[in-house]
Each structure stands twice: as structure tokens, then as C-alpha cells.
């Protein structure tokens, strides 16, 4: 993980990942394109980072609405498997 830059203890990259998750996306591929352009990482790496953030109490404290929504979606996907 990157060096913390915020009082929350989350790195700038962590905060950027959470910010991307709050945005609405118009169609397929738009989010992945934004991940590459804004963060400079692959979508695969983005989702790895996001998944780790969902288990991080600092992320939950910083943005409980987004983190809880994504946790519910993740659990629903796991339950369908």
C-alpha cells in the first residue's frame, strides 16, 4: 500500500479508488478506461486493491456508504457461486 496522505490513514491511491466507485458509469468500458487514465493501473490491479479496501476498517470509516454497498454486492456474488 502507498504511504498515508490523509488523516484517515488511507493513501491517495486508496482514496482515488473509493472516489471512482462513487461515480456513475455510462456504459461498459468507461470505468476501466478511467482506471487506466486516472490511476495508471490495470483494471485487474484496481479490483485487487478495491477488494482489499473493502476489508480495511479505515476505508469503512472514510466512506461507509460506498464500502457497505460494495460489501453487499461482493457477498451477493459469492452467494451465487
PDB file of N, CA and C in Angstrom:
ATOM      1  N   UNK A   1       0.839  -1.166   0.000  1.00  0.00           N
ATOM      2  CA  UNK A   1       0.000   0.000   0.000  1.00  0.00           C
ATOM      3  C   UNK A   1       0.893   1.242   0.000  1.00  0.00           C
ATOM      4  N   UNK A   2       0.414   2.329  -0.537  1.00  0.00           N
ATOM      5  CA  UNK A   2       1.164   3.572  -0.602  1.00  0.00           C
ATOM      6  C   UNK A   2       1.201   4.238   0.772  1.00  0.00           C
ATOM      7  N   UNK A   3       2.044   5.248   0.872  1.00  0.00           N
ATOM      8  CA  UNK A   3       2.141   5.997   2.121  1.00  0.00           C
ATOM      9  C   UNK A   3       0.840   6.743   2.401  1.00  0.00           C
ATOM     10  N   UNK A   4       0.395   6.754   3.656  1.00  0.00           N
ATOM     11  CA  UNK A   4      -0.814   7.501   4.000  1.00  0.00           C
ATOM     12  C   UNK A   4      -0.608   8.990   3.763  1.00  0.00           C
ATOM     13  N   UNK A   5      -1.645   9.624   3.248  1.00  0.00           N
ATOM     14  CA  UNK A   5      -1.548  11.057   2.988  1.00  0.00           C
ATOM     15  C   UNK A   5      -2.713  11.818   3.612  1.00  0.00           C
ATOM     16  N   UNK A   6      -3.624  11.120   4.176  1.00  0.00           N
ATOM     17  CA  UNK A   6      -4.825  11.728   4.744  1.00  0.00           C
ATOM     18  C   UNK A   6      -4.941  11.357   6.218  1.00  0.00           C
ATOM     19  N   UNK A   7      -5.682  12.144   6.994  1.00  0.00           N
ATOM     20  CA  UNK A   7      -5.901  11.795   8.395  1.00  0.00           C
ATOM     21  C   UNK A   7      -6.541  10.415   8.561  1.00  0.00           C
ATOM     22  N   UNK A   8      -7.261   9.947   7.542  1.00  0.00           N
ATOM     23  CA  UNK A   8      -7.908   8.641   7.612  1.00  0.00           C
ATOM     24  C   UNK A   8      -6.897   7.504   7.604  1.00  0.00           C
ATOM     25  N   UNK A   9      -5.650   7.797   7.208  1.00  0.00           N
ATOM     26  CA  UNK A   9      -4.644   6.760   7.112  1.00  0.00           C
ATOM     27  C   UNK A   9      -4.624   6.077   5.765  1.00  0.00           C
ATOM     28  N   UNK A  10      -5.529   6.460   4.881  1.00  0.00           N
ATOM     29  CA  UNK A  10      -5.580   5.883   3.542  1.00  0.00           C
ATOM     30  C   UNK A  10      -4.655   6.657   2.610  1.00  0.00           C
ATOM     31  N   UNK A  11      -4.081   5.968   1.646  1.00  0.00           N
ATOM     32  CA  UNK A  11      -3.213   6.629   0.677  1.00  0.00           C
ATOM     33  C   UNK A  11      -4.045   7.397  -0.345  1.00  0.00           C
ATOM     34  N   UNK A  12      -3.375   8.246  -1.092  1.00  0.00           N
ATOM     35  CA  UNK A  12      -4.068   8.972  -2.164  1.00  0.00           C
ATOM     36  C   UNK A  12      -4.680   7.987  -3.161  1.00  0.00           C
ATOM     37  N   UNK A  13      -3.959   6.917  -3.472  1.00  0.00           N
ATOM     38  CA  UNK A  13      -4.482   5.915  -4.407  1.00  0.00           C
ATOM     39  C   UNK A  13      -5.726   5.233  -3.836  1.00  0.00           C
ATOM     40  N   UNK A  14      -5.703   4.903  -2.542  1.00  0.00           N
ATOM     41  CA  UNK A  14      -6.882   4.296  -1.912  1.00  0.00           C
ATOM     42  C   UNK A  14      -8.086   5.227  -2.010  1.00  0.00           C
ATOM     43  N   UNK A  15      -7.855   6.493  -1.727  1.00  0.00           N
ATOM     44  CA  UNK A  15      -8.941   7.478  -1.804  1.00  0.00           C
ATOM     45  C   UNK A  15      -9.452   7.616  -3.238  1.00  0.00           C
ATOM     46  N   UNK A  16      -8.539   7.548  -4.208  1.00  0.00           N
ATOM     47  CA  UNK A  16      -8.939   7.638  -5.617  1.00  0.00           C
ATOM     48  C   UNK A  16      -9.771   6.434  -6.029  1.00  0.00           C
ATOM     49  N   UNK A  17      -9.420   5.257  -5.522  1.00  0.00           N
ATOM     50  CA  UNK A  17     -10.194   4.043  -5.822  1.00  0.00           C
ATOM     51  C   UNK A  17     -11.619   4.199  -5.277  1.00  0.00           C
ATOM     52  N   UNK A  18     -11.738   4.643  -4.045  1.00  0.00           N
ATOM     53  CA  UNK A  18     -13.074   4.834  -3.460  1.00  0.00           C
ATOM     54  C   UNK A  18     -13.857   5.907  -4.215  1.00  0.00           C
ATOM     55  N   UNK A  19     -13.177   6.955  -4.641  1.00  0.00           N
ATOM     56  CA  UNK A  19     -13.850   8.016  -5.395  1.00  0.00           C
ATOM     57  C   UNK A  19     -14.386   7.486  -6.726  1.00  0.00           C
ATOM     58  N   UNK A  20     -13.610   6.641  -7.403  1.00  0.00           N
ATOM     59  CA  UNK A  20     -14.086   6.054  -8.660  1.00  0.00           C
ATOM     60  C   UNK A  20     -15.332   5.201  -8.432  1.00  0.00           C
ATOM     61  N   UNK A  21     -15.383   4.524  -7.303  1.00  0.00           N
ATOM     62  CA  UNK A  21     -16.531   3.670  -7.009  1.00  0.00           C
ATOM     63  C   UNK A  21     -17.791   4.472  -6.705  1.00  0.00           C
ATOM     64  N   UNK A  22     -17.633   5.726  -6.331  1.00  0.00           N
ATOM     65  CA  UNK A  22     -18.813   6.567  -6.064  1.00  0.00           C
ATOM     66  C   UNK A  22     -19.420   7.130  -7.336  1.00  0.00           C
ATOM     67  N   UNK A  23     -18.664   7.123  -8.422  1.00  0.00           N
ATOM     68  CA  UNK A  23     -19.136   7.723  -9.670  1.00  0.00           C
ATOM     69  C   UNK A  23     -20.069   6.789 -10.440  1.00  0.00           C
ATOM     70  N   UNK A  24     -21.072   7.359 -11.114  1.00  0.00           N
ATOM     71  CA  UNK A  24     -21.894   6.542 -12.021  1.00  0.00           C
ATOM     72  C   UNK A  24     -21.151   6.381 -13.350  1.00  0.00           C
ATOM     73  N   UNK A  25     -21.283   5.245 -13.976  1.00  0.00           N
ATOM     74  CA  UNK A  25     -20.589   4.992 -15.240  1.00  0.00           C
ATOM     75  C   UNK A  25     -21.600   4.774 -16.348  1.00  0.00           C
ATOM     76  N   UNK A  26     -21.421   5.463 -17.484  1.00  0.00           N
ATOM     77  CA  UNK A  26     -22.412   5.462 -18.562  1.00  0.00           C
ATOM     78  C   UNK A  26     -22.546   4.141 -19.312  1.00  0.00           C
ATOM     79  N   UNK A  27     -21.499   3.363 -19.372  1.00  0.00           N
ATOM     80  CA  UNK A  27     -21.605   2.123 -20.131  1.00  0.00           C
ATOM     81  C   UNK A  27     -20.385   1.258 -19.950  1.00  0.00           C
ATOM     82  N   UNK A  28     -20.389   0.110 -20.601  1.00  0.00           N
ATOM     83  CA  UNK A  28     -19.275  -0.827 -20.472  1.00  0.00           C
ATOM     84  C   UNK A  28     -17.967  -0.203 -20.952  1.00  0.00           C
ATOM     85  N   UNK A  29     -16.929  -0.432 -20.187  1.00  0.00           N
ATOM     86  CA  UNK A  29     -15.610   0.040 -20.580  1.00  0.00           C
ATOM     87  C   UNK A  29     -15.241   1.420 -20.063  1.00  0.00           C
ATOM     88  N   UNK A  30     -16.213   2.233 -19.701  1.00  0.00           N
ATOM     89  CA  UNK A  30     -15.915   3.604 -19.258  1.00  0.00           C
ATOM     90  C   UNK A  30     -15.119   3.599 -17.957  1.00  0.00           C
ATOM     91  N   UNK A  31     -15.528   2.769 -17.017  1.00  0.00           N
ATOM     92  CA  UNK A  31     -14.838   2.706 -15.736  1.00  0.00           C
ATOM     93  C   UNK A  31     -13.411   2.181 -15.911  1.00  0.00           C
ATOM     94  N   UNK A  32     -13.264   1.120 -16.700  1.00  0.00           N
ATOM     95  CA  UNK A  32     -11.944   0.540 -16.927  1.00  0.00           C
ATOM     96  C   UNK A  32     -11.006   1.552 -17.592  1.00  0.00           C
ATOM     97  N   UNK A  33     -11.548   2.333 -18.517  1.00  0.00           N
ATOM     98  CA  UNK A  33     -10.766   3.375 -19.180  1.00  0.00           C
ATOM     99  C   UNK A  33     -10.330   4.432 -18.158  1.00  0.00           C
ATOM    100  N   UNK A  34     -11.249   4.812 -17.282  1.00  0.00           N
ATOM    101  CA  UNK A  34     -10.931   5.800 -16.252  1.00  0.00           C
ATOM    102  C   UNK A  34      -9.869   5.262 -15.291  1.00  0.00           C
ATOM    103  N   UNK A  35      -9.941   3.995 -14.967  1.00  0.00           N
ATOM    104  CA  UNK A  35      -8.939   3.382 -14.083  1.00  0.00           C
ATOM    105  C   UNK A  35      -7.554   3.512 -14.704  1.00  0.00           C
ATOM    106  N   UNK A  36      -7.454   3.180 -15.982  1.00  0.00           N
ATOM    107  CA  UNK A  36      -6.148   3.263 -16.662  1.00  0.00           C
ATOM    108  C   UNK A  36      -5.661   4.709 -16.752  1.00  0.00           C
ATOM    109  N   UNK A  37      -6.562   5.629 -17.102  1.00  0.00           N
ATOM    110  CA  UNK A  37      -6.172   7.029 -17.303  1.00  0.00           C
ATOM    111  C   UNK A  37      -5.880   7.759 -15.999  1.00  0.00           C
ATOM    112  N   UNK A  38      -6.743   7.591 -15.011  1.00  0.00           N
ATOM    113  CA  UNK A  38      -6.600   8.353 -13.769  1.00  0.00           C
ATOM    114  C   UNK A  38      -5.600   7.741 -12.799  1.00  0.00           C
ATOM    115  N   UNK A  39      -5.610   6.415 -12.709  1.00  0.00           N
ATOM    116  CA  UNK A  39      -4.761   5.759 -11.719  1.00  0.00           C
ATOM    117  C   UNK A  39      -3.503   5.150 -12.316  1.00  0.00           C
ATOM    118  N   UNK A  40      -3.511   4.941 -13.619  1.00  0.00           N
ATOM    119  CA  UNK A  40      -2.334   4.369 -14.268  1.00  0.00           C
ATOM    120  C   UNK A  40      -2.095   2.915 -13.923  1.00  0.00           C
ATOM    121  N   UNK A  41      -3.164   2.184 -13.606  1.00  0.00           N
ATOM    122  CA  UNK A  41      -3.040   0.759 -13.295  1.00  0.00           C
ATOM    123  C   UNK A  41      -4.040  -0.014 -14.140  1.00  0.00           C
ATOM    124  N   UNK A  42      -3.856  -1.325 -14.191  1.00  0.00           N
ATOM    125  CA  UNK A  42      -4.779  -2.155 -14.958  1.00  0.00           C
ATOM    126  C   UNK A  42      -6.076  -2.339 -14.173  1.00  0.00           C
ATOM    127  N   UNK A  43      -7.173  -2.614 -14.865  1.00  0.00           N
ATOM    128  CA  UNK A  43      -8.421  -2.907 -14.155  1.00  0.00           C
ATOM    129  C   UNK A  43      -8.288  -4.089 -13.192  1.00  0.00           C
ATOM    130  N   UNK A  44      -7.492  -5.093 -13.551  1.00  0.00           N
ATOM    131  CA  UNK A  44      -7.299  -6.239 -12.659  1.00  0.00           C
ATOM    132  C   UNK A  44      -6.681  -5.785 -11.338  1.00  0.00           C
ATOM    133  N   UNK A  45      -5.646  -4.968 -11.409  1.00  0.00           N
ATOM    134  CA  UNK A  45      -4.992  -4.464 -10.198  1.00  0.00           C
ATOM    135  C   UNK A  45      -5.951  -3.578  -9.410  1.00  0.00           C
ATOM    136  N   UNK A  46      -6.741  -2.789 -10.115  1.00  0.00           N
ATOM    137  CA  UNK A  46      -7.734  -1.925  -9.477  1.00  0.00           C
ATOM    138  C   UNK A  46      -8.698  -2.752  -8.618  1.00  0.00           C
ATOM    139  N   UNK A  47      -9.209  -3.822  -9.194  1.00  0.00           N
ATOM    140  CA  UNK A  47     -10.169  -4.639  -8.449  1.00  0.00           C
ATOM    141  C   UNK A  47      -9.505  -5.382  -7.289  1.00  0.00           C
ATOM    142  N   UNK A  48      -8.224  -5.718  -7.416  1.00  0.00           N
ATOM    143  CA  UNK A  48      -7.496  -6.306  -6.292  1.00  0.00           C
ATOM    144  C   UNK A  48      -7.394  -5.291  -5.152  1.00  0.00           C
ATOM    145  N   UNK A  49      -7.035  -4.059  -5.495  1.00  0.00           N
ATOM    146  CA  UNK A  49      -6.937  -3.001  -4.491  1.00  0.00           C
ATOM    147  C   UNK A  49      -8.298  -2.718  -3.855  1.00  0.00           C
ATOM    148  N   UNK A  50      -9.312  -2.649  -4.674  1.00  0.00           N
ATOM    149  CA  UNK A  50     -10.664  -2.384  -4.181  1.00  0.00           C
ATOM    150  C   UNK A  50     -11.102  -3.467  -3.204  1.00  0.00           C
ATOM    151  N   UNK A  51     -10.870  -4.716  -3.570  1.00  0.00           N
ATOM    152  CA  UNK A  51     -11.274  -5.824  -2.703  1.00  0.00           C
ATOM    153  C   UNK A  51     -10.573  -5.746  -1.353  1.00  0.00           C
ATOM    154  N   UNK A  52      -9.300  -5.388  -1.355  1.00  0.00           N
ATOM    155  CA  UNK A  52      -8.571  -5.229  -0.097  1.00  0.00           C
ATOM    156  C   UNK A  52      -9.138  -4.059   0.710  1.00  0.00           C
ATOM    157  N   UNK A  53      -9.496  -2.980   0.029  1.00  0.00           N
ATOM    158  CA  UNK A  53     -10.067  -1.818   0.716  1.00  0.00           C
ATOM    159  C   UNK A  53     -11.389  -2.157   1.398  1.00  0.00           C
ATOM    160  N   UNK A  54     -12.162  -3.039   0.804  1.00  0.00           N
ATOM    161  CA  UNK A  54     -13.456  -3.387   1.385  1.00  0.00           C
ATOM    162  C   UNK A  54     -13.301  -4.067   2.744  1.00  0.00           C
ATOM    163  N   UNK A  55     -12.128  -4.636   2.995  1.00  0.00           N
ATOM    164  CA  UNK A  55     -11.866  -5.283   4.278  1.00  0.00           C
ATOM    165  C   UNK A  55     -11.080  -4.383   5.234  1.00  0.00           C
ATOM    166  N   UNK A  56     -10.795  -3.166   4.822  1.00  0.00           N
ATOM    167  CA  UNK A  56      -9.990  -2.240   5.618  1.00  0.00           C
ATOM    168  C   UNK A  56     -10.906  -1.341   6.453  1.00  0.00           C
ATOM    169  N   UNK A  57     -10.796  -1.405   7.767  1.00  0.00           N
ATOM    170  CA  UNK A  57     -11.663  -0.569   8.622  1.00  0.00           C
ATOM    171  C   UNK A  57     -11.489   0.929   8.369  1.00  0.00           C
ATOM    172  N   UNK A  58     -10.302   1.338   7.908  1.00  0.00           N
ATOM    173  CA  UNK A  58     -10.085   2.765   7.608  1.00  0.00           C
ATOM    174  C   UNK A  58     -10.947   3.204   6.428  1.00  0.00           C
ATOM    175  N   UNK A  59     -11.102   2.328   5.433  1.00  0.00           N
ATOM    176  CA  UNK A  59     -11.948   2.643   4.278  1.00  0.00           C
ATOM    177  C   UNK A  59     -13.403   2.734   4.716  1.00  0.00           C
ATOM    178  N   UNK A  60     -13.816   1.825   5.584  1.00  0.00           N
ATOM    179  CA  UNK A  60     -15.188   1.855   6.093  1.00  0.00           C
ATOM    180  C   UNK A  60     -15.442   3.149   6.862  1.00  0.00           C
ATOM    181  N   UNK A  61     -14.487   3.566   7.668  1.00  0.00           N
ATOM    182  CA  UNK A  61     -14.647   4.808   8.438  1.00  0.00           C
ATOM    183  C   UNK A  61     -14.682   6.024   7.515  1.00  0.00           C
ATOM    184  N   UNK A  62     -13.898   5.985   6.426  1.00  0.00           N
ATOM    185  CA  UNK A  62     -13.831   7.118   5.496  1.00  0.00           C
ATOM    186  C   UNK A  62     -15.088   7.254   4.644  1.00  0.00           C
ATOM    187  N   UNK A  63     -15.605   6.126   4.156  1.00  0.00           N
ATOM    188  CA  UNK A  63     -16.750   6.161   3.229  1.00  0.00           C
ATOM    189  C   UNK A  63     -17.665   4.958   3.476  1.00  0.00           C
ATOM    190  N   UNK A  64     -18.403   4.979   4.588  1.00  0.00           N
ATOM    191  CA  UNK A  64     -19.210   3.813   4.957  1.00  0.00           C
ATOM    192  C   UNK A  64     -20.298   3.465   3.936  1.00  0.00           C
ATOM    193  N   UNK A  65     -20.887   4.443   3.292  1.00  0.00           N
ATOM    194  CA  UNK A  65     -21.956   4.163   2.331  1.00  0.00           C
ATOM    195  C   UNK A  65     -21.418   3.347   1.154  1.00  0.00           C
ATOM    196  N   UNK A  66     -20.323   3.806   0.567  1.00  0.00           N
ATOM    197  CA  UNK A  66     -19.744   3.114  -0.586  1.00  0.00           C
ATOM    198  C   UNK A  66     -19.215   1.748  -0.190  1.00  0.00           C
ATOM    199  N   UNK A  67     -18.473   1.674   0.902  1.00  0.00           N
ATOM    200  CA  UNK A  67     -17.877   0.400   1.315  1.00  0.00           C
ATOM    201  C   UNK A  67     -18.955  -0.615   1.652  1.00  0.00           C
ATOM    202  N   UNK A  68     -19.981  -0.222   2.383  1.00  0.00           N
ATOM    203  CA  UNK A  68     -21.050  -1.169   2.723  1.00  0.00           C
ATOM    204  C   UNK A  68     -21.817  -1.617   1.487  1.00  0.00           C
ATOM    205  N   UNK A  69     -22.049  -0.708   0.542  1.00  0.00           N
ATOM    206  CA  UNK A  69     -22.735  -1.094  -0.708  1.00  0.00           C
ATOM    207  C   UNK A  69     -21.908  -2.126  -1.461  1.00  0.00           C
ATOM    208  N   UNK A  70     -20.616  -1.877  -1.577  1.00  0.00           N
ATOM    209  CA  UNK A  70     -19.745  -2.803  -2.300  1.00  0.00           C
ATOM    210  C   UNK A  70     -19.582  -4.127  -1.568  1.00  0.00           C
ATOM    211  N   UNK A  71     -19.580  -4.099  -0.246  1.00  0.00           N
ATOM    212  CA  UNK A  71     -19.525  -5.359   0.522  1.00  0.00           C
ATOM    213  C   UNK A  71     -20.775  -6.202   0.258  1.00  0.00           C
ATOM    214  N   UNK A  72     -21.942  -5.541   0.212  1.00  0.00           N
ATOM    215  CA  UNK A  72     -23.180  -6.279  -0.068  1.00  0.00           C
ATOM    216  C   UNK A  72     -23.138  -6.903  -1.458  1.00  0.00           C
ATOM    217  N   UNK A  73     -22.651  -6.143  -2.443  1.00  0.00           N
ATOM    218  CA  UNK A  73     -22.543  -6.684  -3.804  1.00  0.00           C
ATOM    219  C   UNK A  73     -21.579  -7.863  -3.855  1.00  0.00           C
ATOM    220  N   UNK A  74     -20.460  -7.738  -3.162  1.00  0.00           N
ATOM    221  CA  UNK A  74     -19.470  -8.819  -3.141  1.00  0.00           C
ATOM    222  C   UNK A  74     -20.060 -10.076  -2.506  1.00  0.00           C
ATOM    223  N   UNK A  75     -20.769  -9.903  -1.406  1.00  0.00           N
ATOM    224  CA  UNK A  75     -21.381 -11.060  -0.743  1.00  0.00           C
ATOM    225  C   UNK A  75     -22.454 -11.706  -1.607  1.00  0.00           C
ATOM    226  N   UNK A  76     -23.220 -10.894  -2.326  1.00  0.00           N
ATOM    227  CA  UNK A  76     -24.250 -11.437  -3.219  1.00  0.00           C
ATOM    228  C   UNK A  76     -23.606 -12.259  -4.337  1.00  0.00           C
ATOM    229  N   UNK A  77     -22.493 -11.768  -4.865  1.00  0.00           N
ATOM    230  CA  UNK A  77     -21.772 -12.532  -5.912  1.00  0.00           C
ATOM    231  C   UNK A  77     -21.246 -13.844  -5.357  1.00  0.00           C
ATOM    232  N   UNK A  78     -20.703 -13.793  -4.154  1.00  0.00           N
ATOM    233  CA  UNK A  78     -20.173 -15.021  -3.526  1.00  0.00           C
ATOM    234  C   UNK A  78     -21.287 -16.024  -3.269  1.00  0.00           C
ATOM    235  N   UNK A  79     -22.443 -15.535  -2.857  1.00  0.00           N
ATOM    236  CA  UNK A  79     -23.572 -16.426  -2.556  1.00  0.00           C
ATOM    237  C   UNK A  79     -24.091 -17.112  -3.822  1.00  0.00           C
ATOM    238  N   UNK A  80     -23.967 -16.465  -4.980  1.00  0.00           N
ATOM    239  CA  UNK A  80     -24.429 -17.059  -6.235  1.00  0.00           C
ATOM    240  C   UNK A  80     -23.498 -18.149  -6.739  1.00  0.00           C
ATOM    241  N   UNK A  81     -22.271 -18.181  -6.250  1.00  0.00           N
ATOM    242  CA  UNK A  81     -21.298 -19.181  -6.714  1.00  0.00           C
ATOM    243  C   UNK A  81     -21.566 -20.539  -6.132  1.00  0.00           C
TER     244      UNK A  81
END
